[in-house]
PDB file of N, CA and C in Angstrom:
ATOM      1  N   MET A   1      -2.739   5.308   0.100  1.00  0.00           N
ATOM      2  CA  MET A   1      -1.440   5.202   0.709  1.00  0.00           C
ATOM      3  C   MET A   1      -0.496   6.148  -0.010  1.00  0.00           C
ATOM      4  N   GLU A   2       0.248   6.925   0.756  1.00  0.00           N
ATOM      5  CA  GLU A   2       1.176   7.870   0.183  1.00  0.00           C
ATOM      6  C   GLU A   2       2.438   7.148  -0.294  1.00  0.00           C
ATOM      7  N   PHE A   3       2.983   7.637  -1.417  1.00  0.00           N
ATOM      8  CA  PHE A   3       4.184   7.061  -1.999  1.00  0.00           C
ATOM      9  C   PHE A   3       5.333   7.084  -1.002  1.00  0.00           C
ATOM     10  N   GLU A   4       5.502   8.191  -0.281  1.00  0.00           N
ATOM     11  CA  GLU A   4       6.587   8.318   0.685  1.00  0.00           C
ATOM     12  C   GLU A   4       6.412   7.328   1.835  1.00  0.00           C
ATOM     13  N   GLN A   5       5.161   7.094   2.226  1.00  0.00           N
ATOM     14  CA  GLN A   5       4.865   6.132   3.282  1.00  0.00           C
ATOM     15  C   GLN A   5       5.312   4.740   2.860  1.00  0.00           C
ATOM     16  N   LEU A   6       5.022   4.404   1.631  1.00  0.00           N
ATOM     17  CA  LEU A   6       5.387   3.091   1.115  1.00  0.00           C
ATOM     18  C   LEU A   6       6.897   2.929   1.087  1.00  0.00           C
ATOM     19  N   ARG A   7       7.597   3.971   0.672  1.00  0.00           N
ATOM     20  CA  ARG A   7       9.051   3.914   0.589  1.00  0.00           C
ATOM     21  C   ARG A   7       9.679   3.858   1.974  1.00  0.00           C
ATOM     22  N   ALA A   8       9.093   4.539   2.960  1.00  0.00           N
ATOM     23  CA  ALA A   8       9.678   4.641   4.290  1.00  0.00           C
ATOM     24  C   ALA A   8       9.768   3.285   4.981  1.00  0.00           C
ATOM     25  N   GLY A   9       8.791   2.428   4.773  1.00  0.00           N
ATOM     26  CA  GLY A   9       8.799   1.126   5.413  1.00  0.00           C
ATOM     27  C   GLY A   9       9.538   0.104   4.583  1.00  0.00           C
ATOM     28  N   SER A  10      10.186  -0.827   5.241  1.00  0.00           N
ATOM     29  CA  SER A  10      10.873  -1.873   4.506  1.00  0.00           C
ATOM     30  C   SER A  10       9.942  -3.047   4.213  1.00  0.00           C
ATOM     31  N   THR A  11       8.781  -3.049   4.865  1.00  0.00           N
ATOM     32  CA  THR A  11       7.842  -4.145   4.695  1.00  0.00           C
ATOM     33  C   THR A  11       6.458  -3.586   4.395  1.00  0.00           C
ATOM     34  N   LEU A  12       5.806  -4.175   3.430  1.00  0.00           N
ATOM     35  CA  LEU A  12       4.413  -3.860   3.138  1.00  0.00           C
ATOM     36  C   LEU A  12       3.614  -5.105   3.473  1.00  0.00           C
ATOM     37  N   VAL A  13       2.663  -4.971   4.394  1.00  0.00           N
ATOM     38  CA  VAL A  13       1.832  -6.092   4.793  1.00  0.00           C
ATOM     39  C   VAL A  13       0.560  -6.059   3.956  1.00  0.00           C
ATOM     40  N   VAL A  14       0.225  -7.199   3.358  1.00  0.00           N
ATOM     41  CA  VAL A  14      -0.993  -7.334   2.572  1.00  0.00           C
ATOM     42  C   VAL A  14      -1.888  -8.322   3.296  1.00  0.00           C
ATOM     43  N   THR A  15      -3.130  -7.886   3.582  1.00  0.00           N
ATOM     44  CA  THR A  15      -4.052  -8.748   4.306  1.00  0.00           C
ATOM     45  C   THR A  15      -5.336  -8.951   3.512  1.00  0.00           C
ATOM     46  N   VAL A  16      -5.984 -10.071   3.796  1.00  0.00           N
ATOM     47  CA  VAL A  16      -7.331 -10.336   3.300  1.00  0.00           C
ATOM     48  C   VAL A  16      -8.165 -10.630   4.535  1.00  0.00           C
ATOM     49  N   LYS A  17      -9.127  -9.734   4.782  1.00  0.00           N
ATOM     50  CA  LYS A  17      -9.993  -9.915   5.946  1.00  0.00           C
ATOM     51  C   LYS A  17     -11.343  -9.305   5.651  1.00  0.00           C
ATOM     52  N   SER A  18     -12.316  -9.732   6.380  1.00  0.00           N
ATOM     53  CA  SER A  18     -13.672  -9.228   6.172  1.00  0.00           C
ATOM     54  C   SER A  18     -13.757  -7.765   6.591  1.00  0.00           C
ATOM     55  N   SER A  19     -14.792  -7.098   6.130  1.00  0.00           N
ATOM     56  CA  SER A  19     -15.027  -5.708   6.525  1.00  0.00           C
ATOM     57  C   SER A  19     -15.198  -5.602   8.036  1.00  0.00           C
ATOM     58  N   ASP A  20     -15.856  -6.596   8.634  1.00  0.00           N
ATOM     59  CA  ASP A  20     -16.044  -6.595  10.087  1.00  0.00           C
ATOM     60  C   ASP A  20     -14.705  -6.699  10.821  1.00  0.00           C
ATOM     61  N   GLU A  21     -13.818  -7.572  10.344  1.00  0.00           N
ATOM     62  CA  GLU A  21     -12.497  -7.709  10.963  1.00  0.00           C
ATOM     63  C   GLU A  21     -11.705  -6.412  10.831  1.00  0.00           C
ATOM     64  N   PHE A  22     -11.766  -5.800   9.648  1.00  0.00           N
ATOM     65  CA  PHE A  22     -11.075  -4.540   9.419  1.00  0.00           C
ATOM     66  C   PHE A  22     -11.615  -3.472  10.375  1.00  0.00           C
ATOM     67  N   HIS A  23     -12.934  -3.384  10.493  1.00  0.00           N
ATOM     68  CA  HIS A  23     -13.565  -2.424  11.401  1.00  0.00           C
ATOM     69  C   HIS A  23     -13.125  -2.663  12.842  1.00  0.00           C
ATOM     70  N   ASP A  24     -13.102  -3.925  13.259  1.00  0.00           N
ATOM     71  CA  ASP A  24     -12.689  -4.253  14.625  1.00  0.00           C
ATOM     72  C   ASP A  24     -11.241  -3.830  14.880  1.00  0.00           C
ATOM     73  N   ASP A  25     -10.364  -4.066  13.901  1.00  0.00           N
ATOM     74  CA  ASP A  25      -8.959  -3.667  14.046  1.00  0.00           C
ATOM     75  C   ASP A  25      -8.819  -2.151  14.184  1.00  0.00           C
ATOM     76  N   ILE A  26      -9.555  -1.412  13.359  1.00  0.00           N
ATOM     77  CA  ILE A  26      -9.497   0.045  13.416  1.00  0.00           C
ATOM     78  C   ILE A  26     -10.043   0.550  14.750  1.00  0.00           C
ATOM     79  N   THR A  27     -11.155  -0.025  15.186  1.00  0.00           N
ATOM     80  CA  THR A  27     -11.750   0.373  16.466  1.00  0.00           C
ATOM     81  C   THR A  27     -10.779   0.119  17.615  1.00  0.00           C
ATOM     82  N   GLU A  28     -10.095  -1.008  17.573  1.00  0.00           N
ATOM     83  CA  GLU A  28      -9.107  -1.337  18.608  1.00  0.00           C
ATOM     84  C   GLU A  28      -7.946  -0.336  18.587  1.00  0.00           C
ATOM     85  N   ASP A  29      -7.471   0.001  17.395  1.00  0.00           N
ATOM     86  CA  ASP A  29      -6.370   0.969  17.277  1.00  0.00           C
ATOM     87  C   ASP A  29      -6.784   2.346  17.800  1.00  0.00           C
ATOM     88  N   ILE A  30      -7.981   2.769  17.484  1.00  0.00           N
ATOM     89  CA  ILE A  30      -8.476   4.064  17.977  1.00  0.00           C
ATOM     90  C   ILE A  30      -8.539   4.055  19.502  1.00  0.00           C
ATOM     91  N   GLY A  31      -9.033   2.957  20.059  1.00  0.00           N
ATOM     92  CA  GLY A  31      -9.077   2.837  21.521  1.00  0.00           C
ATOM     93  C   GLY A  31      -7.690   2.904  22.133  1.00  0.00           C
ATOM     94  N   SER A  32      -6.724   2.247  21.514  1.00  0.00           N
ATOM     95  CA  SER A  32      -5.340   2.291  22.010  1.00  0.00           C
ATOM     96  C   SER A  32      -4.793   3.709  21.975  1.00  0.00           C
ATOM     97  N   LEU A  33      -5.025   4.406  20.866  1.00  0.00           N
ATOM     98  CA  LEU A  33      -4.542   5.784  20.741  1.00  0.00           C
ATOM     99  C   LEU A  33      -5.195   6.701  21.775  1.00  0.00           C
ATOM    100  N   GLU A  34      -6.491   6.497  22.015  1.00  0.00           N
ATOM    101  CA  GLU A  34      -7.200   7.314  23.006  1.00  0.00           C
ATOM    102  C   GLU A  34      -6.638   7.112  24.414  1.00  0.00           C
ATOM    103  N   HIS A  35      -6.073   5.920  24.672  1.00  0.00           N
ATOM    104  CA  HIS A  35      -5.481   5.633  25.975  1.00  0.00           C
ATOM    105  C   HIS A  35      -3.991   5.962  26.019  1.00  0.00           C
ATOM    106  N   GLY A  36      -3.484   6.561  24.931  1.00  0.00           N
ATOM    107  CA  GLY A  36      -2.080   6.951  24.898  1.00  0.00           C
ATOM    108  C   GLY A  36      -1.123   5.836  24.522  1.00  0.00           C
ATOM    109  N   ASP A  37      -1.661   4.701  24.113  1.00  0.00           N
ATOM    110  CA  ASP A  37      -0.815   3.591  23.699  1.00  0.00           C
ATOM    111  C   ASP A  37      -0.416   3.754  22.227  1.00  0.00           C
ATOM    112  N   SER A  38       0.652   3.116  21.842  1.00  0.00           N
ATOM    113  CA  SER A  38       1.072   3.175  20.443  1.00  0.00           C
ATOM    114  C   SER A  38       0.392   2.053  19.652  1.00  0.00           C
ATOM    115  N   VAL A  39       0.363   2.232  18.340  1.00  0.00           N
ATOM    116  CA  VAL A  39      -0.205   1.217  17.454  1.00  0.00           C
ATOM    117  C   VAL A  39       0.798   0.917  16.352  1.00  0.00           C
ATOM    118  N   ASP A  40       0.646  -0.224  15.746  1.00  0.00           N
ATOM    119  CA  ASP A  40       1.520  -0.626  14.640  1.00  0.00           C
ATOM    120  C   ASP A  40       1.306   0.312  13.454  1.00  0.00           C
ATOM    121  N   THR A  41       2.391   0.868  12.917  1.00  0.00           N
ATOM    122  CA  THR A  41       2.291   1.781  11.779  1.00  0.00           C
ATOM    123  C   THR A  41       2.897   1.183  10.514  1.00  0.00           C
ATOM    124  N   THR A  42       3.022  -0.133  10.487  1.00  0.00           N
ATOM    125  CA  THR A  42       3.541  -0.795   9.293  1.00  0.00           C
ATOM    126  C   THR A  42       2.599  -0.529   8.120  1.00  0.00           C
ATOM    127  N   PRO A  43       3.130  -0.098   6.958  1.00  0.00           N
ATOM    128  CA  PRO A  43       2.248   0.111   5.799  1.00  0.00           C
ATOM    129  C   PRO A  43       1.494  -1.182   5.474  1.00  0.00           C
ATOM    130  N   THR A  44       0.170  -1.069   5.354  1.00  0.00           N
ATOM    131  CA  THR A  44      -0.681  -2.236   5.161  1.00  0.00           C
ATOM    132  C   THR A  44      -1.719  -1.973   4.086  1.00  0.00           C
ATOM    133  N   LEU A  45      -1.904  -2.957   3.223  1.00  0.00           N
ATOM    134  CA  LEU A  45      -3.006  -2.949   2.261  1.00  0.00           C
ATOM    135  C   LEU A  45      -3.963  -4.047   2.687  1.00  0.00           C
ATOM    136  N   SER A  46      -5.236  -3.693   2.829  1.00  0.00           N
ATOM    137  CA  SER A  46      -6.235  -4.678   3.244  1.00  0.00           C
ATOM    138  C   SER A  46      -7.276  -4.863   2.151  1.00  0.00           C
ATOM    139  N   PHE A  47      -7.559  -6.104   1.859  1.00  0.00           N
ATOM    140  CA  PHE A  47      -8.554  -6.474   0.853  1.00  0.00           C
ATOM    141  C   PHE A  47      -9.625  -7.325   1.514  1.00  0.00           C
ATOM    142  N   THR A  48     -10.833  -7.277   0.969  1.00  0.00           N
ATOM    143  CA  THR A  48     -11.916  -8.081   1.537  1.00  0.00           C
ATOM    144  C   THR A  48     -12.056  -9.435   0.855  1.00  0.00           C
ATOM    145  N   SER A  49     -11.291  -9.669  -0.213  1.00  0.00           N
ATOM    146  CA  SER A  49     -11.326 -10.984  -0.858  1.00  0.00           C
ATOM    147  C   SER A  49     -10.023 -11.214  -1.623  1.00  0.00           C
ATOM    148  N   TYR A  50      -9.706 -12.473  -1.840  1.00  0.00           N
ATOM    149  CA  TYR A  50      -8.526 -12.808  -2.636  1.00  0.00           C
ATOM    150  C   TYR A  50      -8.700 -12.353  -4.080  1.00  0.00           C
ATOM    151  N   ASP A  51      -9.931 -12.381  -4.568  1.00  0.00           N
ATOM    152  CA  ASP A  51     -10.182 -11.897  -5.931  1.00  0.00           C
ATOM    153  C   ASP A  51      -9.814 -10.424  -6.059  1.00  0.00           C
ATOM    154  N   ASP A  52     -10.202  -9.604  -5.076  1.00  0.00           N
ATOM    155  CA  ASP A  52      -9.839  -8.184  -5.097  1.00  0.00           C
ATOM    156  C   ASP A  52      -8.330  -8.001  -5.035  1.00  0.00           C
ATOM    157  N   LEU A  53      -7.678  -8.784  -4.189  1.00  0.00           N
ATOM    158  CA  LEU A  53      -6.225  -8.705  -4.076  1.00  0.00           C
ATOM    159  C   LEU A  53      -5.567  -8.995  -5.420  1.00  0.00           C
ATOM    160  N   MET A  54      -5.962 -10.092  -6.051  1.00  0.00           N
ATOM    161  CA  MET A  54      -5.341 -10.498  -7.315  1.00  0.00           C
ATOM    162  C   MET A  54      -5.669  -9.526  -8.452  1.00  0.00           C
ATOM    163  N   GLU A  55      -6.831  -8.903  -8.393  1.00  0.00           N
ATOM    164  CA  GLU A  55      -7.209  -7.925  -9.408  1.00  0.00           C
ATOM    165  C   GLU A  55      -6.402  -6.635  -9.249  1.00  0.00           C
ATOM    166  N   THR A  56      -6.067  -6.295  -8.018  1.00  0.00           N
ATOM    167  CA  THR A  56      -5.359  -5.041  -7.733  1.00  0.00           C
ATOM    168  C   THR A  56      -3.850  -5.191  -7.862  1.00  0.00           C
ATOM    169  N   LEU A  57      -3.303  -6.231  -7.267  1.00  0.00           N
ATOM    170  CA  LEU A  57      -1.850  -6.417  -7.280  1.00  0.00           C
ATOM    171  C   LEU A  57      -1.425  -7.232  -8.500  1.00  0.00           C
ATOM    172  N   THR A  58      -1.625  -6.637  -9.646  1.00  0.00           N
ATOM    173  CA  THR A  58      -1.262  -7.277 -10.912  1.00  0.00           C
ATOM    174  C   THR A  58       0.261  -7.298 -11.054  1.00  0.00           C
ATOM    175  N   PRO A  59       0.775  -8.095 -11.972  1.00  0.00           N
ATOM    176  CA  PRO A  59       2.229  -8.084 -12.204  1.00  0.00           C
ATOM    177  C   PRO A  59       2.771  -6.683 -12.506  1.00  0.00           C
ATOM    178  N   ARG A  60       1.995  -5.862 -13.187  1.00  0.00           N
ATOM    179  CA  ARG A  60       2.457  -4.500 -13.505  1.00  0.00           C
ATOM    180  C   ARG A  60       2.568  -3.638 -12.246  1.00  0.00           C
ATOM    181  N   VAL A  61       1.611  -3.779 -11.322  1.00  0.00           N
ATOM    182  CA  VAL A  61       1.679  -3.028 -10.069  1.00  0.00           C
ATOM    183  C   VAL A  61       2.837  -3.544  -9.217  1.00  0.00           C
ATOM    184  N   LEU A  62       3.002  -4.845  -9.155  1.00  0.00           N
ATOM    185  CA  LEU A  62       4.108  -5.420  -8.392  1.00  0.00           C
ATOM    186  C   LEU A  62       5.456  -4.977  -8.953  1.00  0.00           C
ATOM    187  N   GLU A  63       5.529  -4.799 -10.268  1.00  0.00           N
ATOM    188  CA  GLU A  63       6.763  -4.291 -10.889  1.00  0.00           C
ATOM    189  C   GLU A  63       7.073  -2.882 -10.378  1.00  0.00           C
ATOM    190  N   LEU A  64       6.047  -2.064 -10.205  1.00  0.00           N
ATOM    191  CA  LEU A  64       6.259  -0.715  -9.662  1.00  0.00           C
ATOM    192  C   LEU A  64       6.798  -0.792  -8.232  1.00  0.00           C
ATOM    193  N   PHE A  65       6.218  -1.676  -7.406  1.00  0.00           N
ATOM    194  CA  PHE A  65       6.717  -1.854  -6.038  1.00  0.00           C
ATOM    195  C   PHE A  65       8.181  -2.282  -6.041  1.00  0.00           C
ATOM    196  N   GLU A  66       8.491  -3.270  -6.849  1.00  0.00           N
ATOM    197  CA  GLU A  66       9.859  -3.792  -6.909  1.00  0.00           C
ATOM    198  C   GLU A  66      10.830  -2.717  -7.390  1.00  0.00           C
ATOM    199  N   THR A  67      10.431  -1.956  -8.381  1.00  0.00           N
ATOM    200  CA  THR A  67      11.286  -0.873  -8.885  1.00  0.00           C
ATOM    201  C   THR A  67      11.518   0.166  -7.806  1.00  0.00           C
ATOM    202  N   ASP A  68      10.475   0.511  -7.078  1.00  0.00           N
ATOM    203  CA  ASP A  68      10.617   1.483  -5.995  1.00  0.00           C
ATOM    204  C   ASP A  68      11.568   0.964  -4.925  1.00  0.00           C
ATOM    205  N   ARG A  69      11.434  -0.291  -4.578  1.00  0.00           N
ATOM    206  CA  ARG A  69      12.310  -0.888  -3.557  1.00  0.00           C
ATOM    207  C   ARG A  69      13.756  -0.928  -4.023  1.00  0.00           C
ATOM    208  N   ARG A  70      13.966  -1.338  -5.251  1.00  0.00           N
ATOM    209  CA  ARG A  70      15.307  -1.533  -5.785  1.00  0.00           C
ATOM    210  C   ARG A  70      16.005  -0.218  -6.138  1.00  0.00           C
ATOM    211  N   GLU A  71      15.298   0.680  -6.819  1.00  0.00           N
ATOM    212  CA  GLU A  71      15.899   1.899  -7.359  1.00  0.00           C
ATOM    213  C   GLU A  71      15.773   3.121  -6.451  1.00  0.00           C
ATOM    214  N   GLU A  72      14.810   3.106  -5.533  1.00  0.00           N
ATOM    215  CA  GLU A  72      14.530   4.224  -4.634  1.00  0.00           C
ATOM    216  C   GLU A  72      14.395   5.554  -5.386  1.00  0.00           C
ATOM    217  N   PRO A  73      13.471   5.619  -6.352  1.00  0.00           N
ATOM    218  CA  PRO A  73      13.288   6.865  -7.099  1.00  0.00           C
ATOM    219  C   PRO A  73      12.697   7.953  -6.192  1.00  0.00           C
ATOM    220  N   PHE A  74      12.822   9.200  -6.636  1.00  0.00           N
ATOM    221  CA  PHE A  74      12.339  10.329  -5.840  1.00  0.00           C
ATOM    222  C   PHE A  74      10.862  10.624  -6.045  1.00  0.00           C
ATOM    223  N   SER A  75      10.249  10.027  -7.043  1.00  0.00           N
ATOM    224  CA  SER A  75       8.840  10.332  -7.332  1.00  0.00           C
ATOM    225  C   SER A  75       8.214   9.197  -8.131  1.00  0.00           C
ATOM    226  N   ILE A  76       6.891   9.241  -8.216  1.00  0.00           N
ATOM    227  CA  ILE A  76       6.186   8.281  -9.063  1.00  0.00           C
ATOM    228  C   ILE A  76       6.570   8.515 -10.525  1.00  0.00           C
ATOM    229  N   ASN A  77       6.772   9.771 -10.894  1.00  0.00           N
ATOM    230  CA  ASN A  77       7.189  10.073 -12.271  1.00  0.00           C
ATOM    231  C   ASN A  77       8.498   9.362 -12.613  1.00  0.00           C
ATOM    232  N   GLU A  78       9.443   9.402 -11.687  1.00  0.00           N
ATOM    233  CA  GLU A  78      10.720   8.741 -11.931  1.00  0.00           C
ATOM    234  C   GLU A  78      10.545   7.218 -11.988  1.00  0.00           C
ATOM    235  N   THR A  79       9.693   6.685 -11.130  1.00  0.00           N
ATOM    236  CA  THR A  79       9.411   5.248 -11.173  1.00  0.00           C
ATOM    237  C   THR A  79       8.852   4.860 -12.533  1.00  0.00           C
ATOM    238  N   ALA A  80       7.897   5.631 -13.025  1.00  0.00           N
ATOM    239  CA  ALA A  80       7.290   5.357 -14.337  1.00  0.00           C
ATOM    240  C   ALA A  80       8.339   5.417 -15.442  1.00  0.00           C
ATOM    241  N   ARG A  81       9.245   6.370 -15.349  1.00  0.00           N
ATOM    242  CA  ARG A  81      10.298   6.483 -16.361  1.00  0.00           C
ATOM    243  C   ARG A  81      11.210   5.253 -16.332  1.00  0.00           C
ATOM    244  N   ILE A  82      11.557   4.797 -15.151  1.00  0.00           N
ATOM    245  CA  ILE A  82      12.454   3.641 -15.014  1.00  0.00           C
ATOM    246  C   ILE A  82      11.836   2.392 -15.642  1.00  0.00           C
ATOM    247  N   VAL A  83      10.535   2.189 -15.432  1.00  0.00           N
ATOM    248  CA  VAL A  83       9.875   0.996 -15.979  1.00  0.00           C
ATOM    249  C   VAL A  83       9.318   1.238 -17.377  1.00  0.00           C
ATOM    250  N   ASP A  84       9.580   2.439 -17.920  1.00  0.00           N
ATOM    251  CA  ASP A  84       9.146   2.815 -19.268  1.00  0.00           C
ATOM    252  C   ASP A  84       7.637   2.661 -19.428  1.00  0.00           C
ATOM    253  N   ARG A  85       6.929   3.301 -18.489  1.00  0.00           N
ATOM    254  CA  ARG A  85       5.469   3.249 -18.511  1.00  0.00           C
ATOM    255  C   ARG A  85       4.895   4.650 -18.397  1.00  0.00           C
ATOM    256  N   ASP A  86       3.650   4.786 -18.753  1.00  0.00           N
ATOM    257  CA  ASP A  86       2.934   6.039 -18.701  1.00  0.00           C
ATOM    258  C   ASP A  86       2.838   6.532 -17.258  1.00  0.00           C
ATOM    259  N   VAL A  87       3.155   7.812 -17.040  1.00  0.00           N
ATOM    260  CA  VAL A  87       3.139   8.393 -15.701  1.00  0.00           C
ATOM    261  C   VAL A  87       1.726   8.372 -15.115  1.00  0.00           C
ATOM    262  N   LYS A  88       0.735   8.740 -15.900  1.00  0.00           N
ATOM    263  CA  LYS A  88      -0.643   8.798 -15.405  1.00  0.00           C
ATOM    264  C   LYS A  88      -1.113   7.426 -14.918  1.00  0.00           C
ATOM    265  N   THR A  89      -0.852   6.396 -15.702  1.00  0.00           N
ATOM    266  CA  THR A  89      -1.263   5.042 -15.319  1.00  0.00           C
ATOM    267  C   THR A  89      -0.493   4.564 -14.097  1.00  0.00           C
ATOM    268  N   SER A  90       0.794   4.814 -14.056  1.00  0.00           N
ATOM    269  CA  SER A  90       1.610   4.396 -12.912  1.00  0.00           C
ATOM    270  C   SER A  90       1.157   5.093 -11.643  1.00  0.00           C
ATOM    271  N   THR A  91       0.853   6.379 -11.752  1.00  0.00           N
ATOM    272  CA  THR A  91       0.358   7.125 -10.596  1.00  0.00           C
ATOM    273  C   THR A  91      -0.950   6.534 -10.107  1.00  0.00           C
ATOM    274  N   ARG A  92      -1.868   6.282 -11.028  1.00  0.00           N
ATOM    275  CA  ARG A  92      -3.165   5.704 -10.659  1.00  0.00           C
ATOM    276  C   ARG A  92      -2.962   4.332 -10.012  1.00  0.00           C
ATOM    277  N   ASN A  93      -2.049   3.510 -10.549  1.00  0.00           N
ATOM    278  CA  ASN A  93      -1.795   2.193  -9.979  1.00  0.00           C
ATOM    279  C   ASN A  93      -1.350   2.265  -8.525  1.00  0.00           C
ATOM    280  N   LEU A  94      -0.525   3.231  -8.198  1.00  0.00           N
ATOM    281  CA  LEU A  94       0.008   3.328  -6.839  1.00  0.00           C
ATOM    282  C   LEU A  94      -0.892   4.132  -5.905  1.00  0.00           C
ATOM    283  N   VAL A  95      -1.423   5.227  -6.359  1.00  0.00           N
ATOM    284  CA  VAL A  95      -2.215   6.099  -5.501  1.00  0.00           C
ATOM    285  C   VAL A  95      -3.571   5.502  -5.178  1.00  0.00           C
ATOM    286  N   ASP A  96      -4.145   4.749  -6.087  1.00  0.00           N
ATOM    287  CA  ASP A  96      -5.494   4.203  -5.895  1.00  0.00           C
ATOM    288  C   ASP A  96      -5.528   2.893  -5.133  1.00  0.00           C
ATOM    289  N   LEU A  97      -4.391   2.478  -4.572  1.00  0.00           N
ATOM    290  CA  LEU A  97      -4.390   1.257  -3.776  1.00  0.00           C
ATOM    291  C   LEU A  97      -5.215   1.461  -2.518  1.00  0.00           C
ATOM    292  N   PRO A  98      -5.892   0.418  -2.063  1.00  0.00           N
ATOM    293  CA  PRO A  98      -6.679   0.567  -0.832  1.00  0.00           C
ATOM    294  C   PRO A  98      -5.760   0.799   0.364  1.00  0.00           C
ATOM    295  N   ASN A  99      -6.280   1.433   1.390  1.00  0.00           N
ATOM    296  CA  ASN A  99      -5.501   1.664   2.604  1.00  0.00           C
ATOM    297  C   ASN A  99      -5.704   0.550   3.580  1.00  0.00           C
TER     298      ASN A  99
END
């Protein structure tokens, strides 16, 4: 997920669904696009288990989200500076999130 994409939306949807459900949703969206219909473009993170969700969305990652929402920094580097954290780790925390 791109940093700008995350900032552009006011809502981030987090889901837990099976790989089959995720595949079905994507297949349905592709079919809609092929027919000229629009699809929901709300930024979404999908996980296949609650354990994966809790392992990924740690308090430190959630702090980055909250800082981005509250401060509206221009870059991940600025976000890392605001929370007084390492830029490399902060970048990895945000860029490596599942789509």
